[in-house]
Amino acid sequence: MKISASQVWSAIVEIRSRAPVVHNITNYVVMNSTANALLSLGASPVMAHAVDEVEDMVTIASALVINIGTLSPPWVEAMDAAARKARKRGIPIVLDPVGAGATPYRTRTARDLIENVSPSILRGNASEILALLESKAKTKGVDSTARSDSALEVAQRLSEIYECIVCVSGETDYIIDGADITRVMNGHPMMPRVTGLGCTATALCGAFAAVSESPALAAAEAMAVMGIAGEMAADVAQGPGSLQVRFLDALYRMSEEDVRRRLRTEG
């Protein structure tokens, strides 16, 4: 799939003008940072995980983002209920199988969620994606132990089995739609030093899915904007702490010229 700077910029403009509600069931570590990233981009985040209200919250949302970073049985129940409601409403569902492969409970939960309701976009690092099909795949906590390109075959199988877009993040981000592969080469080596930027990428996938014509295009746009914002932040940051703040500023200030000058994709 070819992705142009014009497409990316048009999606940013649409998010800023519409402020789509993105319902996040996410982890304690990243609630604040992902909410701020969505706000900086122009979306309207909602962070709600109580099983008693998630279905009602989905009814006002334009996309649902599920992130399994800090699991507990009540949260798993809420994730499943929210996903089923989102599927009934026909809004995009983005799933981040954080740490799949680290423990049997975490891996089983991710697999069950995908089996019960196939997501529109499945986004994770290489180890997490591998763990969804391969029983011997392991992660280093929530960090990847594998290069993103090592998960391409498994990602293609997942895409075909569950009829979803699979986004494998890493030094190069891969967006897989069956046999079609789009590569996004934007980003900066300092970004993995900031906790939760992978989760932020998942949240941004939700924002772009709310306004884009297809989940594949949304995932590519989100990863491109993530990478471009990371590059812009790294240009002026002195380390991971200031990178995190500058990253939010970059999302807020990103211009059409920034996108045209920096976008690096292949498809």
Protein backbone atom coordinates (compact mmCIF):
# COMPACT_ATOMS: atom_id res chain seq x y z
CA MET A 1 0.00 0.00 0.00
CA LYS A 2 1.33 3.40 -0.97
CA ILE A 3 0.99 6.11 1.64
CA SER A 4 1.50 9.76 0.76
CA ALA A 5 2.24 12.85 2.81
CA SER A 6 -1.07 14.27 1.59
CA GLN A 7 -2.97 11.31 3.05
CA VAL A 8 -1.20 11.59 6.38
CA TRP A 9 -1.75 15.33 6.60
CA SER A 10 -5.42 15.05 5.59
CA ALA A 11 -5.97 12.54 8.41
CA ILE A 12 -4.29 14.86 10.92
CA VAL A 13 -6.52 17.74 9.80
CA GLU A 14 -9.58 15.50 10.11
CA ILE A 15 -8.64 14.46 13.65
CA ARG A 16 -8.03 18.07 14.67
CA SER A 17 -11.35 19.21 13.21
CA ARG A 18 -13.52 16.31 14.42
CA ALA A 19 -11.83 15.48 17.76
CA PRO A 20 -13.06 11.86 17.65
CA VAL A 21 -13.69 10.18 21.00
CA VAL A 22 -11.22 7.33 21.48
CA HIS A 23 -12.22 4.96 24.29
CA ASN A 24 -9.12 3.45 25.93
CA ILE A 25 -9.05 0.46 28.24
CA THR A 26 -5.37 0.70 28.94
CA ASN A 27 -2.79 0.16 31.65
CA TYR A 28 -1.94 2.19 34.73
CA VAL A 29 1.58 2.96 33.47
CA VAL A 30 0.45 4.87 30.38
CA MET A 31 -3.00 6.30 31.10
CA ASN A 32 -1.72 9.86 31.50
CA SER A 33 0.81 9.81 28.66
CA THR A 34 -1.52 8.23 26.09
CA ALA A 35 -4.37 10.57 27.02
CA ASN A 36 -2.04 13.56 26.60
CA ALA A 37 -0.78 12.24 23.27
CA LEU A 38 -4.33 11.89 21.95
CA LEU A 39 -5.18 15.39 23.17
CA SER A 40 -2.02 16.81 21.62
CA LEU A 41 -2.90 15.22 18.28
CA GLY A 42 -6.43 16.61 18.47
CA ALA A 43 -8.49 13.58 19.51
CA SER A 44 -10.69 13.27 22.60
CA PRO A 45 -9.55 10.45 24.94
CA VAL A 46 -11.74 8.57 27.40
CA MET A 47 -10.05 6.22 29.87
CA ALA A 48 -12.72 3.92 31.30
CA HIS A 49 -12.36 0.29 32.37
CA ALA A 50 -15.22 -0.46 34.81
CA VAL A 51 -17.29 -3.33 33.45
CA ASP A 52 -20.46 -1.50 34.51
CA GLU A 53 -19.87 1.37 32.09
CA VAL A 54 -17.64 0.25 29.22
CA GLU A 55 -20.53 -0.68 26.92
CA ASP A 56 -22.16 2.70 27.49
CA MET A 57 -18.83 4.44 26.87
CA VAL A 58 -18.37 2.56 23.60
CA THR A 59 -21.70 3.98 22.40
CA ILE A 60 -20.23 7.52 22.35
CA ALA A 61 -16.83 6.53 20.96
CA SER A 62 -15.49 6.56 17.42
CA ALA A 63 -12.86 3.91 18.17
CA LEU A 64 -11.97 1.46 20.94
CA VAL A 65 -8.38 0.81 22.06
CA ILE A 66 -7.66 -2.21 24.26
CA ASN A 67 -4.25 -2.52 25.93
CA ILE A 68 -3.56 -5.48 28.25
CA GLY A 69 -0.55 -3.97 30.01
CA THR A 70 -1.85 -4.27 33.61
CA LEU A 71 -4.22 -7.20 33.66
CA SER A 72 -6.79 -8.35 36.20
CA PRO A 73 -9.89 -10.55 35.76
CA PRO A 74 -12.37 -7.62 36.03
CA TRP A 75 -10.44 -5.71 33.36
CA VAL A 76 -10.42 -8.73 31.04
CA GLU A 77 -14.19 -8.99 31.44
CA ALA A 78 -14.54 -5.30 30.64
CA MET A 79 -12.28 -5.59 27.59
CA ASP A 80 -14.34 -8.44 26.19
CA ALA A 81 -17.64 -6.64 26.82
CA ALA A 82 -16.37 -3.43 25.24
CA ALA A 83 -15.02 -5.25 22.20
CA ARG A 84 -18.32 -7.06 21.61
CA LYS A 85 -20.22 -3.78 21.86
CA ALA A 86 -17.78 -2.06 19.50
CA ARG A 87 -18.18 -4.84 16.98
CA LYS A 88 -21.97 -4.47 17.13
CA ARG A 89 -21.61 -0.72 16.53
CA GLY A 90 -19.11 -1.23 13.71
CA ILE A 91 -16.44 1.08 15.14
CA PRO A 92 -12.71 0.21 14.83
CA ILE A 93 -11.09 -1.90 17.53
CA VAL A 94 -7.34 -1.67 18.16
CA LEU A 95 -5.71 -4.33 20.36
CA ASP A 96 -2.25 -4.13 21.94
CA PRO A 97 -1.18 -7.55 23.38
CA VAL A 98 1.36 -5.97 25.76
CA GLY A 99 3.83 -8.53 27.08
CA ALA A 100 2.26 -11.52 25.33
CA GLY A 101 4.71 -14.37 25.78
CA ALA A 102 5.88 -13.18 29.22
CA THR A 103 3.39 -15.27 31.24
CA PRO A 104 0.79 -17.92 30.34
CA TYR A 105 -2.05 -15.76 31.71
CA ARG A 106 -1.06 -12.76 29.61
CA THR A 107 -0.60 -14.82 26.45
CA ARG A 108 -3.87 -16.67 26.96
CA THR A 109 -5.77 -13.44 27.58
CA ALA A 110 -4.45 -11.86 24.38
CA ARG A 111 -5.30 -14.94 22.34
CA ASP A 112 -8.80 -15.19 23.87
CA LEU A 113 -9.57 -11.54 23.15
CA ILE A 114 -8.59 -11.97 19.51
CA GLU A 115 -10.57 -15.21 19.19
CA ASN A 116 -13.69 -13.71 20.76
CA VAL A 117 -13.70 -10.50 18.73
CA SER A 118 -11.26 -10.01 15.90
CA PRO A 119 -9.71 -6.53 16.12
CA SER A 120 -9.50 -4.09 13.23
CA ILE A 121 -5.82 -3.46 14.05
CA LEU A 122 -3.49 -5.65 16.09
CA ARG A 123 -0.38 -3.67 17.10
CA GLY A 124 2.60 -5.00 19.03
CA ASN A 125 6.32 -5.53 18.98
CA ALA A 126 7.81 -8.56 17.26
CA SER A 127 7.98 -10.77 20.36
CA GLU A 128 4.36 -10.05 21.25
CA ILE A 129 3.14 -10.81 17.73
CA LEU A 130 5.17 -14.03 17.59
CA ALA A 131 3.74 -15.16 20.95
CA LEU A 132 0.20 -15.01 19.62
CA LEU A 133 0.85 -18.03 17.39
CA GLU A 134 4.08 -19.64 18.60
CA SER A 135 4.05 -21.33 22.00
CA LYS A 136 7.83 -21.01 22.48
CA ALA A 137 8.00 -17.26 21.76
CA LYS A 138 9.12 -15.20 24.76
CA THR A 139 9.31 -11.53 25.62
CA LYS A 140 11.63 -9.64 27.97
CA GLY A 141 8.89 -8.35 30.25
CA VAL A 142 7.06 -6.06 27.85
CA ASP A 143 10.11 -5.47 25.63
CA SER A 144 10.81 -7.25 22.38
CA THR A 145 13.61 -9.76 22.07
CA ALA A 146 13.22 -9.98 18.30
CA ARG A 147 13.61 -7.67 15.32
CA SER A 148 10.37 -6.47 13.76
CA ASP A 149 11.11 -8.18 10.43
CA SER A 150 11.40 -11.57 12.18
CA ALA A 151 7.65 -11.55 12.87
CA LEU A 152 6.48 -10.89 9.31
CA GLU A 153 5.47 -14.45 8.47
CA VAL A 154 3.50 -14.85 11.70
CA ALA A 155 1.97 -11.39 11.24
CA GLN A 156 0.75 -12.36 7.78
CA ARG A 157 -0.80 -15.54 9.15
CA LEU A 158 -2.53 -13.60 11.93
CA SER A 159 -3.81 -11.07 9.41
CA GLU A 160 -5.27 -13.83 7.25
CA ILE A 161 -6.74 -15.88 10.11
CA TYR A 162 -8.43 -12.98 11.87
CA GLU A 163 -8.97 -10.74 8.83
CA CYS A 164 -7.30 -7.82 10.56
CA ILE A 165 -4.41 -5.45 10.04
CA VAL A 166 -1.28 -6.40 11.97
CA CYS A 167 1.21 -3.68 12.83
CA VAL A 168 4.65 -4.84 14.00
CA SER A 169 6.62 -1.99 15.54
CA GLY A 170 10.38 -1.70 15.77
CA GLU A 171 13.25 0.10 14.08
CA THR A 172 11.13 -0.32 10.96
CA ASP A 173 7.38 -0.53 11.46
CA TYR A 174 5.50 -3.03 9.30
CA ILE A 175 1.80 -2.79 8.50
CA ILE A 176 0.54 -6.11 7.21
CA ASP A 177 -2.72 -6.62 5.34
CA GLY A 178 -2.54 -10.23 4.22
CA ALA A 179 0.14 -10.33 1.53
CA ASP A 180 0.42 -6.54 1.37
CA ILE A 181 3.19 -4.99 3.47
CA THR A 182 3.82 -1.30 4.13
CA ARG A 183 7.05 -0.18 5.78
CA VAL A 184 7.39 2.97 7.87
CA MET A 185 10.99 3.99 8.55
CA ASN A 186 10.39 7.07 10.70
CA GLY A 187 11.47 7.26 14.34
CA HIS A 188 14.50 7.80 16.57
CA PRO A 189 16.66 5.40 18.66
CA MET A 190 15.85 7.35 21.84
CA MET A 191 12.14 6.54 21.64
CA PRO A 192 12.36 3.06 23.26
CA ARG A 193 13.92 4.78 26.30
CA VAL A 194 10.55 6.42 27.09
CA THR A 195 8.07 4.07 28.71
CA GLY A 196 4.75 3.70 27.00
CA LEU A 197 5.52 5.06 23.54
CA GLY A 198 4.49 1.73 22.06
CA CYS A 199 1.19 2.05 23.89
CA THR A 200 0.94 5.59 22.57
CA ALA A 201 1.31 4.23 19.04
CA THR A 202 -1.63 1.93 19.69
CA ALA A 203 -3.74 4.82 20.98
CA LEU A 204 -2.88 6.91 17.92
CA CYS A 205 -3.92 3.98 15.71
CA GLY A 206 -7.34 4.35 17.33
CA ALA A 207 -7.49 8.07 16.52
CA PHE A 208 -6.52 7.55 12.89
CA ALA A 209 -8.84 4.56 12.53
CA ALA A 210 -11.70 6.82 13.61
CA VAL A 211 -11.20 9.09 10.57
CA SER A 212 -9.42 7.03 7.90
CA GLU A 213 -10.93 5.06 5.05
CA SER A 214 -9.34 1.75 6.09
CA PRO A 215 -7.61 0.19 9.13
CA ALA A 216 -4.49 -0.44 7.04
CA LEU A 217 -4.18 3.22 6.08
CA ALA A 218 -4.92 4.27 9.67
CA ALA A 219 -2.15 2.08 11.08
CA ALA A 220 0.37 3.38 8.53
CA GLU A 221 -0.62 6.99 9.21
CA ALA A 222 -0.38 6.51 12.97
CA MET A 223 3.06 4.91 12.85
CA ALA A 224 4.32 7.59 10.47
CA VAL A 225 3.10 10.39 12.75
CA MET A 226 4.58 8.63 15.79
CA GLY A 227 7.95 8.39 14.07
CA ILE A 228 7.90 11.94 12.73
CA ALA A 229 6.98 13.33 16.15
CA GLY A 230 9.80 11.29 17.69
CA GLU A 231 12.29 12.72 15.21
CA MET A 232 11.09 16.26 15.82
CA ALA A 233 11.31 15.76 19.58
CA ALA A 234 14.78 14.22 19.40
CA ASP A 235 16.05 17.24 17.46
CA VAL A 236 15.64 19.40 20.57
CA ALA A 237 15.60 16.90 23.48
CA GLN A 238 18.56 16.34 25.79
CA GLY A 239 17.47 12.87 26.89
CA PRO A 240 14.42 10.62 27.38
CA GLY A 241 12.82 12.93 29.94
CA SER A 242 12.72 15.95 27.69
CA LEU A 243 11.95 13.74 24.69
CA GLN A 244 8.65 12.74 26.31
CA VAL A 245 7.59 16.38 26.74
CA ARG A 246 8.89 17.43 23.33
CA PHE A 247 7.05 14.50 21.73
CA LEU A 248 3.70 15.89 22.92
CA ASP A 249 4.70 19.33 21.63
CA ALA A 250 5.61 17.80 18.27
CA LEU A 251 2.20 16.13 17.94
CA TYR A 252 0.52 19.44 18.72
CA ARG A 253 2.70 21.57 16.43
CA MET A 254 3.15 19.13 13.52
CA SER A 255 2.63 20.87 10.19
CA GLU A 256 2.08 19.73 6.63
CA GLU A 257 5.66 20.74 5.86
CA ASP A 258 6.96 18.51 8.69
CA VAL A 259 5.09 15.55 7.21
CA ARG A 260 6.20 16.22 3.64
CA ARG A 261 9.84 16.72 4.64
CA ARG A 262 10.19 13.75 6.97
CA LEU A 263 7.82 10.97 5.81
CA ARG A 264 9.73 7.80 4.88
CA THR A 265 7.62 4.82 3.81
CA GLU A 266 7.67 1.97 1.32
CA GLY A 267 4.73 -0.03 0.10
